[in-house]
Amino acid sequence: GWYDYRDLNRVGEAMIYVRDRLKSVGEVVDIEPRTNWSLSDLPTYSAITEYLNNIEKLRSALSVPIETPVSGLLLNYEEANDIERILESLDSLVINIMKAYIYAGEFYAGEV
C-alpha cells in the first residue's frame, strides 16, 4: 500500500488528539501537526522530518513501555505501523493515568 495524503492527515489528527489528551493529564507537548495535506501535495524532506519529530516529542512526554517502538528516519510501512503503535500506547497510558486519579478525596478507605 501507499502512505498518502489521507494517512498524513489522519495521523496528524491523531497526533493532535494525543497531544490534547496528554495536556489533560498535565503533559504539555508543543506540536502543531499538519492536517491539510491534499492529493497534489508532495511531502518534502523537511515536512516528513517535522512529522517524525512530532511523533518523537509525543513519545518522549511519558515513560512508555519498553516494547513501544521508536520512530526512525524513514517513512516506510514498518515506520508507519510503529507510529500507530506509539500513538496507541500513549493513549493507553493517558487512560491509565486518568483511572489512577483519587476521585473520593481519600487516600485510604474509611479515612474520614
N, C-alpha and C. Protein backbone atom coordinates (compact mmCIF):
# COMPACT_ATOMS: atom_id res chain seq x y z
N GLY A 1 0.80 -1.18 0.00
CA GLY A 1 0.00 0.00 0.00
C GLY A 1 0.85 1.25 0.00
N TRP A 2 0.18 2.34 -0.20
CA TRP A 2 0.83 3.65 -0.24
C TRP A 2 0.47 4.45 0.99
N TYR A 3 1.41 5.23 1.45
CA TYR A 3 1.19 6.18 2.53
C TYR A 3 0.95 7.51 1.84
N ASP A 4 -0.31 7.93 1.80
CA ASP A 4 -0.61 9.13 1.03
C ASP A 4 -1.14 10.25 1.91
N TYR A 5 -1.67 11.27 1.27
CA TYR A 5 -2.12 12.46 1.98
C TYR A 5 -3.20 12.14 3.02
N ARG A 6 -4.05 11.15 2.73
CA ARG A 6 -5.09 10.77 3.70
C ARG A 6 -4.48 10.22 4.98
N ASP A 7 -3.42 9.42 4.83
CA ASP A 7 -2.72 8.89 6.01
C ASP A 7 -2.04 10.00 6.79
N LEU A 8 -1.39 10.93 6.08
CA LEU A 8 -0.73 12.05 6.75
C LEU A 8 -1.74 12.89 7.53
N ASN A 9 -2.91 13.13 6.94
CA ASN A 9 -3.95 13.91 7.63
C ASN A 9 -4.51 13.13 8.83
N ARG A 10 -4.79 11.86 8.64
CA ARG A 10 -5.35 11.03 9.71
C ARG A 10 -4.41 10.96 10.90
N VAL A 11 -3.13 10.71 10.63
CA VAL A 11 -2.15 10.61 11.70
C VAL A 11 -1.89 11.99 12.32
N GLY A 12 -1.91 13.04 11.51
CA GLY A 12 -1.79 14.39 12.05
C GLY A 12 -2.91 14.69 13.03
N GLU A 13 -4.13 14.31 12.68
CA GLU A 13 -5.26 14.49 13.58
C GLU A 13 -5.12 13.63 14.83
N ALA A 14 -4.60 12.42 14.67
CA ALA A 14 -4.36 11.55 15.84
C ALA A 14 -3.30 12.16 16.76
N MET A 15 -2.28 12.79 16.17
CA MET A 15 -1.26 13.46 16.99
C MET A 15 -1.88 14.59 17.80
N ILE A 16 -2.77 15.36 17.20
CA ILE A 16 -3.45 16.44 17.91
C ILE A 16 -4.30 15.86 19.04
N TYR A 17 -5.00 14.78 18.75
CA TYR A 17 -5.83 14.12 19.77
C TYR A 17 -4.97 13.68 20.96
N VAL A 18 -3.86 13.01 20.68
CA VAL A 18 -2.98 12.53 21.76
C VAL A 18 -2.34 13.72 22.48
N ARG A 19 -1.93 14.73 21.74
CA ARG A 19 -1.37 15.95 22.36
C ARG A 19 -2.35 16.54 23.36
N ASP A 20 -3.62 16.65 22.96
CA ASP A 20 -4.64 17.22 23.84
C ASP A 20 -4.94 16.31 25.02
N ARG A 21 -4.91 15.00 24.80
CA ARG A 21 -5.12 14.05 25.90
C ARG A 21 -3.97 14.15 26.90
N LEU A 22 -2.75 14.28 26.41
CA LEU A 22 -1.60 14.44 27.31
C LEU A 22 -1.73 15.73 28.12
N LYS A 23 -2.17 16.79 27.49
CA LYS A 23 -2.36 18.06 28.19
C LYS A 23 -3.38 17.91 29.30
N SER A 24 -4.39 17.09 29.10
CA SER A 24 -5.43 16.90 30.13
C SER A 24 -4.89 16.23 31.39
N VAL A 25 -3.72 15.58 31.28
CA VAL A 25 -3.11 14.96 32.47
C VAL A 25 -1.82 15.69 32.86
N GLY A 26 -1.67 16.92 32.35
CA GLY A 26 -0.56 17.76 32.79
C GLY A 26 0.71 17.68 31.98
N GLU A 27 0.71 16.99 30.86
CA GLU A 27 1.90 16.90 30.00
C GLU A 27 1.70 17.76 28.76
N VAL A 28 2.41 18.86 28.67
CA VAL A 28 2.27 19.77 27.53
C VAL A 28 3.33 19.44 26.49
N VAL A 29 2.88 19.15 25.29
CA VAL A 29 3.77 18.84 24.17
C VAL A 29 3.52 19.89 23.10
N ASP A 30 4.56 20.62 22.75
CA ASP A 30 4.44 21.73 21.81
C ASP A 30 4.60 21.23 20.37
N ILE A 31 3.48 20.80 19.80
CA ILE A 31 3.47 20.39 18.39
C ILE A 31 2.23 20.96 17.72
N GLU A 32 2.34 21.21 16.43
CA GLU A 32 1.21 21.63 15.60
C GLU A 32 1.27 20.84 14.29
N PRO A 33 0.85 19.57 14.34
CA PRO A 33 0.93 18.76 13.13
C PRO A 33 0.06 19.29 11.99
N ARG A 34 0.53 19.09 10.82
CA ARG A 34 -0.23 19.50 9.63
C ARG A 34 -1.35 18.49 9.39
N THR A 35 -2.54 18.99 9.09
CA THR A 35 -3.69 18.12 8.82
C THR A 35 -4.43 18.53 7.55
N ASN A 36 -3.76 19.30 6.69
CA ASN A 36 -4.42 19.77 5.47
C ASN A 36 -3.70 19.31 4.20
N TRP A 37 -3.13 18.13 4.23
CA TRP A 37 -2.47 17.59 3.04
C TRP A 37 -3.52 17.33 1.97
N SER A 38 -3.16 17.52 0.72
CA SER A 38 -4.06 17.23 -0.40
C SER A 38 -3.36 16.30 -1.39
N LEU A 39 -4.13 15.79 -2.31
CA LEU A 39 -3.62 14.86 -3.31
C LEU A 39 -2.44 15.43 -4.07
N SER A 40 -2.44 16.72 -4.31
CA SER A 40 -1.39 17.34 -5.11
C SER A 40 -0.13 17.69 -4.30
N ASP A 41 -0.18 17.56 -2.97
CA ASP A 41 0.99 17.88 -2.14
C ASP A 41 2.04 16.78 -2.21
N LEU A 42 3.28 17.19 -2.38
CA LEU A 42 4.40 16.27 -2.32
C LEU A 42 5.16 16.55 -1.03
N PRO A 43 5.18 15.60 -0.10
CA PRO A 43 5.88 15.83 1.16
C PRO A 43 7.38 16.04 0.93
N THR A 44 7.89 17.13 1.43
CA THR A 44 9.31 17.41 1.34
C THR A 44 10.04 16.70 2.47
N TYR A 45 11.34 16.65 2.35
CA TYR A 45 12.16 16.06 3.41
C TYR A 45 11.91 16.77 4.73
N SER A 46 11.86 18.10 4.71
CA SER A 46 11.66 18.85 5.95
C SER A 46 10.27 18.61 6.54
N ALA A 47 9.26 18.45 5.68
CA ALA A 47 7.90 18.18 6.18
C ALA A 47 7.83 16.81 6.85
N ILE A 48 8.46 15.81 6.25
CA ILE A 48 8.46 14.47 6.85
C ILE A 48 9.31 14.45 8.11
N THR A 49 10.41 15.18 8.11
CA THR A 49 11.24 15.28 9.32
C THR A 49 10.43 15.88 10.46
N GLU A 50 9.68 16.94 10.18
CA GLU A 50 8.82 17.57 11.20
C GLU A 50 7.76 16.58 11.68
N TYR A 51 7.16 15.86 10.76
CA TYR A 51 6.15 14.84 11.07
C TYR A 51 6.71 13.81 12.04
N LEU A 52 7.90 13.29 11.75
CA LEU A 52 8.53 12.29 12.61
C LEU A 52 9.00 12.91 13.93
N ASN A 53 9.46 14.15 13.90
CA ASN A 53 9.85 14.83 15.15
C ASN A 53 8.64 15.02 16.07
N ASN A 54 7.48 15.32 15.49
CA ASN A 54 6.27 15.44 16.30
C ASN A 54 5.95 14.14 17.02
N ILE A 55 6.11 13.03 16.32
CA ILE A 55 5.88 11.72 16.95
C ILE A 55 6.85 11.51 18.11
N GLU A 56 8.10 11.84 17.90
CA GLU A 56 9.10 11.65 18.96
C GLU A 56 8.85 12.56 20.16
N LYS A 57 8.39 13.78 19.90
CA LYS A 57 8.04 14.68 21.01
C LYS A 57 6.89 14.10 21.83
N LEU A 58 5.90 13.56 21.15
CA LEU A 58 4.80 12.92 21.87
C LEU A 58 5.29 11.72 22.66
N ARG A 59 6.09 10.89 22.01
CA ARG A 59 6.58 9.67 22.65
C ARG A 59 7.41 9.97 23.89
N SER A 60 8.15 11.06 23.86
CA SER A 60 9.03 11.38 24.99
C SER A 60 8.29 12.07 26.14
N ALA A 61 7.00 12.36 25.97
CA ALA A 61 6.24 13.04 27.02
C ALA A 61 6.01 12.15 28.24
N LEU A 62 5.93 10.86 28.05
CA LEU A 62 5.69 9.92 29.14
C LEU A 62 6.69 8.78 29.06
N SER A 63 6.86 8.10 30.16
CA SER A 63 7.68 6.87 30.15
C SER A 63 6.82 5.77 29.54
N VAL A 64 7.19 5.37 28.36
CA VAL A 64 6.40 4.37 27.64
C VAL A 64 6.95 2.97 27.91
N PRO A 65 6.12 1.95 27.73
CA PRO A 65 6.61 0.58 27.90
C PRO A 65 7.78 0.29 26.95
N ILE A 66 8.65 -0.59 27.38
CA ILE A 66 9.87 -0.92 26.62
C ILE A 66 9.56 -1.39 25.20
N GLU A 67 8.41 -2.03 25.02
CA GLU A 67 8.09 -2.56 23.69
C GLU A 67 7.53 -1.49 22.74
N THR A 68 7.34 -0.27 23.23
CA THR A 68 6.85 0.80 22.36
C THR A 68 7.93 1.15 21.35
N PRO A 69 7.60 1.13 20.07
CA PRO A 69 8.61 1.41 19.04
C PRO A 69 9.17 2.83 19.13
N VAL A 70 10.31 2.99 18.54
CA VAL A 70 10.93 4.30 18.38
C VAL A 70 10.79 4.65 16.91
N SER A 71 10.33 5.87 16.61
CA SER A 71 10.22 6.21 15.19
C SER A 71 11.61 6.49 14.64
N GLY A 72 11.80 6.13 13.39
CA GLY A 72 13.11 6.26 12.76
C GLY A 72 13.16 7.43 11.80
N LEU A 73 14.04 7.32 10.85
CA LEU A 73 14.24 8.40 9.90
C LEU A 73 13.54 8.17 8.57
N LEU A 74 13.04 6.97 8.36
CA LEU A 74 12.37 6.65 7.11
C LEU A 74 10.88 6.51 7.34
N LEU A 75 10.11 6.75 6.33
CA LEU A 75 8.67 6.58 6.44
C LEU A 75 8.25 5.45 5.51
N ASN A 76 8.60 4.23 5.92
CA ASN A 76 8.18 3.04 5.17
C ASN A 76 7.00 2.41 5.90
N TYR A 77 6.53 1.26 5.44
CA TYR A 77 5.34 0.66 6.04
C TYR A 77 5.59 0.26 7.50
N GLU A 78 6.81 -0.18 7.83
CA GLU A 78 7.11 -0.55 9.21
C GLU A 78 7.07 0.68 10.11
N GLU A 79 7.65 1.77 9.63
CA GLU A 79 7.65 3.03 10.37
C GLU A 79 6.22 3.55 10.55
N ALA A 80 5.42 3.44 9.52
CA ALA A 80 4.03 3.89 9.61
C ALA A 80 3.28 3.08 10.67
N ASN A 81 3.50 1.77 10.70
CA ASN A 81 2.88 0.93 11.73
C ASN A 81 3.39 1.27 13.12
N ASP A 82 4.69 1.58 13.23
CA ASP A 82 5.27 1.97 14.52
C ASP A 82 4.65 3.26 15.02
N ILE A 83 4.41 4.21 14.14
CA ILE A 83 3.78 5.47 14.52
C ILE A 83 2.41 5.21 15.12
N GLU A 84 1.64 4.35 14.49
CA GLU A 84 0.32 3.99 15.01
C GLU A 84 0.45 3.35 16.40
N ARG A 85 1.43 2.48 16.57
CA ARG A 85 1.64 1.83 17.88
C ARG A 85 2.03 2.83 18.96
N ILE A 86 2.87 3.80 18.61
CA ILE A 86 3.29 4.82 19.56
C ILE A 86 2.07 5.63 20.02
N LEU A 87 1.25 6.06 19.10
CA LEU A 87 0.07 6.85 19.45
C LEU A 87 -0.91 6.03 20.28
N GLU A 88 -1.08 4.78 19.93
CA GLU A 88 -1.97 3.90 20.69
C GLU A 88 -1.45 3.69 22.12
N SER A 89 -0.15 3.48 22.25
CA SER A 89 0.45 3.29 23.57
C SER A 89 0.28 4.53 24.44
N LEU A 90 0.51 5.71 23.86
CA LEU A 90 0.35 6.95 24.62
C LEU A 90 -1.09 7.15 25.07
N ASP A 91 -2.04 6.85 24.19
CA ASP A 91 -3.44 6.99 24.58
C ASP A 91 -3.78 6.04 25.72
N SER A 92 -3.27 4.82 25.67
CA SER A 92 -3.50 3.86 26.76
C SER A 92 -2.91 4.35 28.07
N LEU A 93 -1.72 4.95 28.00
CA LEU A 93 -1.10 5.49 29.21
C LEU A 93 -1.93 6.63 29.80
N VAL A 94 -2.46 7.49 28.95
CA VAL A 94 -3.31 8.58 29.44
C VAL A 94 -4.55 8.01 30.13
N ILE A 95 -5.15 7.00 29.53
CA ILE A 95 -6.32 6.35 30.15
C ILE A 95 -5.95 5.82 31.52
N ASN A 96 -4.80 5.16 31.63
CA ASN A 96 -4.37 4.63 32.92
C ASN A 96 -4.10 5.73 33.95
N ILE A 97 -3.53 6.83 33.50
CA ILE A 97 -3.29 7.97 34.41
C ILE A 97 -4.62 8.49 34.93
N MET A 98 -5.58 8.63 34.05
CA MET A 98 -6.89 9.15 34.45
C MET A 98 -7.59 8.19 35.42
N LYS A 99 -7.43 6.90 35.21
CA LYS A 99 -8.04 5.92 36.11
C LYS A 99 -7.39 5.95 37.49
N ALA A 100 -6.14 6.41 37.56
CA ALA A 100 -5.41 6.41 38.82
C ALA A 100 -5.74 7.61 39.70
N TYR A 101 -6.45 8.58 39.18
CA TYR A 101 -6.81 9.74 40.00
C TYR A 101 -7.63 9.29 41.21
N ILE A 102 -7.47 9.98 42.31
CA ILE A 102 -8.25 9.70 43.51
C ILE A 102 -9.51 10.55 43.43
N TYR A 103 -10.63 9.89 43.18
CA TYR A 103 -11.88 10.61 42.99
C TYR A 103 -12.62 10.87 44.29
N ALA A 104 -12.45 10.01 45.29
CA ALA A 104 -13.23 10.12 46.51
C ALA A 104 -12.65 11.15 47.48
N GLY A 105 -11.47 11.63 47.23
CA GLY A 105 -10.86 12.58 48.15
C GLY A 105 -10.19 11.90 49.33
N GLU A 106 -10.06 10.60 49.28
CA GLU A 106 -9.42 9.84 50.35
C GLU A 106 -8.26 9.03 49.77
N PHE A 107 -7.22 8.87 50.55
CA PHE A 107 -6.13 8.01 50.14
C PHE A 107 -6.37 6.58 50.59
N TYR A 108 -7.06 6.43 51.71
CA TYR A 108 -7.33 5.11 52.26
C TYR A 108 -8.82 4.98 52.54
N ALA A 109 -9.35 3.79 52.37
CA ALA A 109 -10.76 3.55 52.66
C ALA A 109 -11.05 3.83 54.13
N GLY A 110 -12.11 4.53 54.40
CA GLY A 110 -12.51 4.83 55.78
C GLY A 110 -11.66 5.91 56.44
N GLU A 111 -10.90 6.66 55.68
CA GLU A 111 -10.00 7.66 56.23
C GLU A 111 -10.76 8.77 56.96
N VAL A 112 -11.90 9.14 56.44
CA VAL A 112 -12.67 10.25 57.02
C VAL A 112 -13.63 9.75 58.05
